Amino acid sequence: MPIHHPTPDDVHDSAEELRTALKDNGITLPSLGVDLPGFAGSYAVPLVALGNCNADTARKLAEVLRKAAVR
């Protein structure tokens, strides 16, 4: 199976999908976005930067993930 190399659009789209899913669960990661250094160089893989959040947001995210894992 060929390896899929994400395009800039793929990375932006996935970041927006994650932002929307988090918002649907009452979670905002203020620094969520595309990791620009991931586009540098020929060996780099574009990444989604999850960013920083406070302790309350981290707990809310953990709670949502735990609930989803039970389903």
N, C-alpha and C. Protein backbone atom coordinates (compact mmCIF):
# COMPACT_ATOMS: atom_id res chain seq x y z
N MET A 1 0.84 -1.17 0.00
CA MET A 1 0.00 0.00 0.00
C MET A 1 0.89 1.24 0.00
N PRO A 2 0.63 2.19 -0.89
CA PRO A 2 1.48 3.39 -0.95
C PRO A 2 1.31 4.27 0.28
N ILE A 3 2.38 4.95 0.62
CA ILE A 3 2.36 5.87 1.76
C ILE A 3 1.70 7.17 1.32
N HIS A 4 0.74 7.64 2.11
CA HIS A 4 0.09 8.92 1.82
C HIS A 4 0.88 10.04 2.47
N HIS A 5 1.31 10.99 1.66
CA HIS A 5 2.01 12.15 2.19
C HIS A 5 1.01 13.30 2.27
N PRO A 6 0.72 13.77 3.48
CA PRO A 6 -0.28 14.82 3.63
C PRO A 6 0.11 16.09 2.89
N THR A 7 -0.87 16.68 2.28
CA THR A 7 -0.68 17.97 1.62
C THR A 7 -0.99 19.07 2.63
N PRO A 8 -0.61 20.32 2.32
CA PRO A 8 -0.99 21.42 3.22
C PRO A 8 -2.50 21.47 3.47
N ASP A 9 -3.29 21.20 2.43
CA ASP A 9 -4.74 21.20 2.61
C ASP A 9 -5.19 20.10 3.57
N ASP A 10 -4.57 18.91 3.47
CA ASP A 10 -4.91 17.81 4.39
C ASP A 10 -4.69 18.23 5.84
N VAL A 11 -3.55 18.86 6.09
CA VAL A 11 -3.20 19.24 7.46
C VAL A 11 -4.14 20.33 7.96
N HIS A 12 -4.42 21.33 7.13
CA HIS A 12 -5.35 22.39 7.53
C HIS A 12 -6.74 21.81 7.78
N ASP A 13 -7.19 20.93 6.89
CA ASP A 13 -8.52 20.33 7.04
C ASP A 13 -8.61 19.49 8.32
N SER A 14 -7.57 18.72 8.60
CA SER A 14 -7.63 17.89 9.81
C SER A 14 -7.61 18.74 11.07
N ALA A 15 -6.87 19.85 11.04
CA ALA A 15 -6.87 20.76 12.19
C ALA A 15 -8.26 21.35 12.39
N GLU A 16 -8.92 21.72 11.32
CA GLU A 16 -10.27 22.29 11.43
C GLU A 16 -11.28 21.24 11.89
N GLU A 17 -11.13 20.00 11.40
CA GLU A 17 -12.01 18.92 11.86
C GLU A 17 -11.86 18.70 13.36
N LEU A 18 -10.62 18.72 13.83
CA LEU A 18 -10.37 18.55 15.26
C LEU A 18 -10.92 19.73 16.05
N ARG A 19 -10.72 20.94 15.55
CA ARG A 19 -11.24 22.14 16.23
C ARG A 19 -12.76 22.03 16.39
N THR A 20 -13.44 21.60 15.31
CA THR A 20 -14.90 21.48 15.34
C THR A 20 -15.34 20.39 16.32
N ALA A 21 -14.67 19.24 16.29
CA ALA A 21 -15.02 18.15 17.20
C ALA A 21 -14.81 18.56 18.65
N LEU A 22 -13.72 19.25 18.92
CA LEU A 22 -13.48 19.73 20.28
C LEU A 22 -14.55 20.73 20.70
N LYS A 23 -14.88 21.65 19.79
CA LYS A 23 -15.90 22.66 20.10
C LYS A 23 -17.24 22.00 20.40
N ASP A 24 -17.57 20.94 19.64
CA ASP A 24 -18.82 20.21 19.88
C ASP A 24 -18.87 19.60 21.28
N ASN A 25 -17.70 19.43 21.88
CA ASN A 25 -17.60 18.88 23.24
C ASN A 25 -17.26 19.95 24.27
N GLY A 26 -17.38 21.21 23.87
CA GLY A 26 -17.14 22.30 24.81
C GLY A 26 -15.67 22.55 25.12
N ILE A 27 -14.79 22.17 24.21
CA ILE A 27 -13.35 22.30 24.45
C ILE A 27 -12.73 23.21 23.40
N THR A 28 -11.88 24.11 23.86
CA THR A 28 -11.13 24.98 22.96
C THR A 28 -9.65 24.87 23.29
N LEU A 29 -8.84 24.53 22.29
CA LEU A 29 -7.39 24.57 22.43
C LEU A 29 -6.93 25.84 21.71
N PRO A 30 -6.55 26.88 22.46
CA PRO A 30 -6.29 28.19 21.87
C PRO A 30 -5.21 28.19 20.78
N SER A 31 -4.24 27.32 20.89
CA SER A 31 -3.13 27.34 19.93
C SER A 31 -3.23 26.24 18.88
N LEU A 32 -4.38 25.60 18.76
CA LEU A 32 -4.56 24.55 17.76
C LEU A 32 -4.35 25.12 16.37
N GLY A 33 -3.53 24.49 15.60
CA GLY A 33 -3.28 24.95 14.24
C GLY A 33 -2.27 24.06 13.54
N VAL A 34 -1.74 24.56 12.44
CA VAL A 34 -0.76 23.83 11.66
C VAL A 34 0.63 24.18 12.16
N ASP A 35 1.47 23.16 12.34
CA ASP A 35 2.85 23.36 12.77
C ASP A 35 3.66 23.72 11.52
N LEU A 36 3.94 25.00 11.34
CA LEU A 36 4.60 25.46 10.11
C LEU A 36 5.98 24.86 9.88
N PRO A 37 6.81 24.64 10.92
CA PRO A 37 8.11 24.01 10.65
C PRO A 37 7.98 22.60 10.05
N GLY A 38 6.83 21.98 10.22
CA GLY A 38 6.61 20.67 9.62
C GLY A 38 6.63 20.68 8.11
N PHE A 39 6.48 21.85 7.51
CA PHE A 39 6.51 21.97 6.05
C PHE A 39 7.92 22.23 5.53
N ALA A 40 8.87 22.42 6.43
CA ALA A 40 10.24 22.73 6.02
C ALA A 40 11.02 21.45 5.74
N GLY A 41 11.85 21.48 4.75
CA GLY A 41 12.72 20.35 4.46
C GLY A 41 12.01 19.24 3.72
N SER A 42 12.78 18.38 3.12
CA SER A 42 12.21 17.31 2.29
C SER A 42 11.79 16.09 3.11
N TYR A 43 12.26 15.96 4.36
CA TYR A 43 11.92 14.79 5.16
C TYR A 43 10.85 15.08 6.21
N ALA A 44 10.47 16.33 6.31
CA ALA A 44 9.50 16.72 7.34
C ALA A 44 8.10 16.25 6.97
N VAL A 45 7.34 15.91 7.97
CA VAL A 45 5.94 15.54 7.80
C VAL A 45 5.10 16.66 8.40
N PRO A 46 4.18 17.24 7.64
CA PRO A 46 3.34 18.30 8.20
C PRO A 46 2.56 17.79 9.40
N LEU A 47 2.53 18.59 10.45
CA LEU A 47 1.89 18.20 11.70
C LEU A 47 0.82 19.20 12.11
N VAL A 48 -0.14 18.72 12.88
CA VAL A 48 -1.11 19.58 13.52
C VAL A 48 -0.58 19.87 14.92
N ALA A 49 -0.43 21.15 15.24
CA ALA A 49 0.03 21.55 16.57
C ALA A 49 -1.18 21.67 17.48
N LEU A 50 -1.19 20.89 18.53
CA LEU A 50 -2.33 20.91 19.44
C LEU A 50 -2.32 22.11 20.37
N GLY A 51 -1.17 22.67 20.60
CA GLY A 51 -1.09 23.90 21.37
C GLY A 51 -1.18 23.70 22.86
N ASN A 52 -1.21 24.79 23.53
CA ASN A 52 -1.24 24.81 24.99
C ASN A 52 -2.68 24.95 25.48
N CYS A 53 -2.91 24.44 26.68
CA CYS A 53 -4.21 24.62 27.31
C CYS A 53 -4.02 24.62 28.82
N ASN A 54 -5.02 25.14 29.51
CA ASN A 54 -4.94 25.15 30.96
C ASN A 54 -5.37 23.80 31.53
N ALA A 55 -5.22 23.64 32.83
CA ALA A 55 -5.52 22.36 33.48
C ALA A 55 -6.99 21.97 33.34
N ASP A 56 -7.89 22.93 33.43
CA ASP A 56 -9.32 22.62 33.29
C ASP A 56 -9.63 22.06 31.90
N THR A 57 -9.04 22.66 30.88
CA THR A 57 -9.25 22.18 29.51
C THR A 57 -8.66 20.80 29.33
N ALA A 58 -7.49 20.55 29.88
CA ALA A 58 -6.87 19.23 29.79
C ALA A 58 -7.75 18.17 30.45
N ARG A 59 -8.32 18.50 31.60
CA ARG A 59 -9.21 17.56 32.29
C ARG A 59 -10.47 17.29 31.48
N LYS A 60 -11.04 18.33 30.88
CA LYS A 60 -12.24 18.17 30.06
C LYS A 60 -11.93 17.29 28.84
N LEU A 61 -10.80 17.50 28.22
CA LEU A 61 -10.40 16.69 27.07
C LEU A 61 -10.22 15.23 27.50
N ALA A 62 -9.58 15.00 28.61
CA ALA A 62 -9.39 13.65 29.12
C ALA A 62 -10.74 12.98 29.40
N GLU A 63 -11.67 13.73 29.98
CA GLU A 63 -13.00 13.20 30.28
C GLU A 63 -13.73 12.77 28.99
N VAL A 64 -13.68 13.62 27.99
CA VAL A 64 -14.35 13.31 26.72
C VAL A 64 -13.71 12.08 26.08
N LEU A 65 -12.40 11.99 26.11
CA LEU A 65 -11.71 10.84 25.53
C LEU A 65 -12.03 9.56 26.27
N ARG A 66 -12.09 9.63 27.59
CA ARG A 66 -12.44 8.45 28.39
C ARG A 66 -13.85 7.97 28.04
N LYS A 67 -14.78 8.89 27.94
CA LYS A 67 -16.16 8.53 27.60
C LYS A 67 -16.23 7.91 26.21
N ALA A 68 -15.48 8.46 25.27
CA ALA A 68 -15.49 7.92 23.90
C ALA A 68 -14.86 6.53 23.86
N ALA A 69 -13.90 6.27 24.69
CA ALA A 69 -13.23 4.97 24.71
C ALA A 69 -14.14 3.86 25.23
N VAL A 70 -15.11 4.22 26.04
CA VAL A 70 -16.03 3.24 26.62
C VAL A 70 -17.05 2.77 25.59
N ARG A 71 -17.36 3.59 24.63
CA ARG A 71 -18.40 3.27 23.63
C ARG A 71 -18.03 2.11 22.77
